């Protein structure tokens, strides 16, 4: 995951260092959080298989991200907004 070392981690403070090599991440694809990584190191297998409703900064809605079951890189894709 060397190409992601300079990428933004969801929920981090702006200007903070990038991903920690000792943690697991999922890439967020599409929607308002496109390109960010979410740290999932301590998530259960059930949580990893369902994705999550993520807070969108500056928006009252949450973004629904779910894993893409294509056997490729661990990415979560934007499914829409939850009010």
C-alpha atoms as a PDB file:
ATOM      1  CA  UNK A   1       0.000   0.000   0.000  1.00  0.00           C
ATOM      2  CA  UNK A   2       2.942   2.338  -0.580  1.00  0.00           C
ATOM      3  CA  UNK A   3       1.035   4.492  -3.073  1.00  0.00           C
ATOM      4  CA  UNK A   4      -1.439   5.347  -0.317  1.00  0.00           C
ATOM      5  CA  UNK A   5       1.062   6.619   2.258  1.00  0.00           C
ATOM      6  CA  UNK A   6       0.321  10.263   1.438  1.00  0.00           C
ATOM      7  CA  UNK A   7      -3.454   9.828   1.296  1.00  0.00           C
ATOM      8  CA  UNK A   8      -6.015  11.231   3.696  1.00  0.00           C
ATOM      9  CA  UNK A   9      -7.320   8.953   6.415  1.00  0.00           C
ATOM     10  CA  UNK A  10     -11.031   9.453   7.140  1.00  0.00           C
ATOM     11  CA  UNK A  11     -11.562  11.187  10.487  1.00  0.00           C
ATOM     12  CA  UNK A  12      -7.980  12.367  10.841  1.00  0.00           C
ATOM     13  CA  UNK A  13      -6.954  15.908  11.674  1.00  0.00           C
ATOM     14  CA  UNK A  14      -5.938  17.895   8.548  1.00  0.00           C
ATOM     15  CA  UNK A  15      -2.170  17.860   8.159  1.00  0.00           C
ATOM     16  CA  UNK A  16      -1.714  14.705  10.233  1.00  0.00           C
ATOM     17  CA  UNK A  17       0.529  11.939   8.924  1.00  0.00           C
ATOM     18  CA  UNK A  18      -0.892   9.447   6.457  1.00  0.00           C
ATOM     19  CA  UNK A  19      -1.765   5.800   7.048  1.00  0.00           C
ATOM     20  CA  UNK A  20       0.059   3.777   9.708  1.00  0.00           C
ATOM     21  CA  UNK A  21       1.739   0.696   8.187  1.00  0.00           C
ATOM     22  CA  UNK A  22       0.616  -1.393  11.186  1.00  0.00           C
ATOM     23  CA  UNK A  23      -3.095  -0.795  10.505  1.00  0.00           C
ATOM     24  CA  UNK A  24      -5.592  -2.133   7.967  1.00  0.00           C
ATOM     25  CA  UNK A  25      -7.490   0.261   5.714  1.00  0.00           C
ATOM     26  CA  UNK A  26     -10.262   0.301   3.129  1.00  0.00           C
ATOM     27  CA  UNK A  27     -10.350   2.765   0.253  1.00  0.00           C
ATOM     28  CA  UNK A  28     -13.549   4.812  -0.107  1.00  0.00           C
ATOM     29  CA  UNK A  29     -14.637   5.085  -3.745  1.00  0.00           C
ATOM     30  CA  UNK A  30     -17.122   7.588  -5.113  1.00  0.00           C
ATOM     31  CA  UNK A  31     -19.323  10.005  -3.220  1.00  0.00           C
ATOM     32  CA  UNK A  32     -18.202  12.760  -0.888  1.00  0.00           C
ATOM     33  CA  UNK A  33     -15.322  10.795   0.696  1.00  0.00           C
ATOM     34  CA  UNK A  34     -13.828   9.515  -2.564  1.00  0.00           C
ATOM     35  CA  UNK A  35     -10.146   8.661  -2.308  1.00  0.00           C
ATOM     36  CA  UNK A  36      -9.947   8.666   1.475  1.00  0.00           C
ATOM     37  CA  UNK A  37      -8.920   5.651   3.514  1.00  0.00           C
ATOM     38  CA  UNK A  38     -10.783   4.388   6.566  1.00  0.00           C
ATOM     39  CA  UNK A  39      -8.855   2.579   9.302  1.00  0.00           C
ATOM     40  CA  UNK A  40     -10.537  -0.780  10.063  1.00  0.00           C
ATOM     41  CA  UNK A  41      -7.892  -2.594  12.104  1.00  0.00           C
ATOM     42  CA  UNK A  42     -10.173  -3.477  15.038  1.00  0.00           C
ATOM     43  CA  UNK A  43     -13.368  -4.053  13.053  1.00  0.00           C
ATOM     44  CA  UNK A  44     -15.092  -7.448  13.244  1.00  0.00           C
ATOM     45  CA  UNK A  45     -15.538  -9.612  10.128  1.00  0.00           C
ATOM     46  CA  UNK A  46     -19.260  -8.768  10.206  1.00  0.00           C
ATOM     47  CA  UNK A  47     -18.537  -5.031  10.269  1.00  0.00           C
ATOM     48  CA  UNK A  48     -16.036  -5.397   7.425  1.00  0.00           C
ATOM     49  CA  UNK A  49     -18.552  -7.300   5.303  1.00  0.00           C
ATOM     50  CA  UNK A  50     -21.306  -4.692   5.688  1.00  0.00           C
ATOM     51  CA  UNK A  51     -19.418  -1.383   5.477  1.00  0.00           C
ATOM     52  CA  UNK A  52     -20.670   1.661   7.306  1.00  0.00           C
ATOM     53  CA  UNK A  53     -22.594   4.917   7.476  1.00  0.00           C
ATOM     54  CA  UNK A  54     -19.900   7.592   7.613  1.00  0.00           C
ATOM     55  CA  UNK A  55     -20.216  11.187   8.747  1.00  0.00           C
ATOM     56  CA  UNK A  56     -19.662  13.686   5.942  1.00  0.00           C
ATOM     57  CA  UNK A  57     -17.990  16.884   7.190  1.00  0.00           C
ATOM     58  CA  UNK A  58     -20.254  19.900   6.650  1.00  0.00           C
ATOM     59  CA  UNK A  59     -23.304  17.765   5.844  1.00  0.00           C
ATOM     60  CA  UNK A  60     -26.155  16.544   8.049  1.00  0.00           C
ATOM     61  CA  UNK A  61     -26.400  13.282   6.127  1.00  0.00           C
ATOM     62  CA  UNK A  62     -24.230  10.202   6.436  1.00  0.00           C
ATOM     63  CA  UNK A  63     -22.715   8.475   3.440  1.00  0.00           C
ATOM     64  CA  UNK A  64     -23.390   4.754   3.032  1.00  0.00           C
ATOM     65  CA  UNK A  65     -20.277   2.844   1.927  1.00  0.00           C
ATOM     66  CA  UNK A  66     -20.359  -0.906   1.272  1.00  0.00           C
ATOM     67  CA  UNK A  67     -17.623  -3.329   0.219  1.00  0.00           C
ATOM     68  CA  UNK A  68     -17.311  -4.270  -3.417  1.00  0.00           C
ATOM     69  CA  UNK A  69     -17.299  -8.058  -3.652  1.00  0.00           C
ATOM     70  CA  UNK A  70     -14.997  -8.401  -6.669  1.00  0.00           C
ATOM     71  CA  UNK A  71     -12.071 -10.179  -5.012  1.00  0.00           C
ATOM     72  CA  UNK A  72      -9.792  -7.243  -5.796  1.00  0.00           C
ATOM     73  CA  UNK A  73      -8.395  -4.545  -3.545  1.00  0.00           C
ATOM     74  CA  UNK A  74     -10.410  -3.922  -0.374  1.00  0.00           C
ATOM     75  CA  UNK A  75     -12.567  -0.964  -1.442  1.00  0.00           C
ATOM     76  CA  UNK A  76     -15.865   0.358  -0.217  1.00  0.00           C
ATOM     77  CA  UNK A  77     -18.192   2.017  -2.721  1.00  0.00           C
ATOM     78  CA  UNK A  78     -20.604   4.873  -2.142  1.00  0.00           C
ATOM     79  CA  UNK A  79     -24.235   3.699  -2.156  1.00  0.00           C
ATOM     80  CA  UNK A  80     -25.985   6.978  -1.381  1.00  0.00           C
ATOM     81  CA  UNK A  81     -26.941   9.108   1.615  1.00  0.00           C
ATOM     82  CA  UNK A  82     -28.720   8.227   4.834  1.00  0.00           C
ATOM     83  CA  UNK A  83     -30.685  11.055   6.471  1.00  0.00           C
END
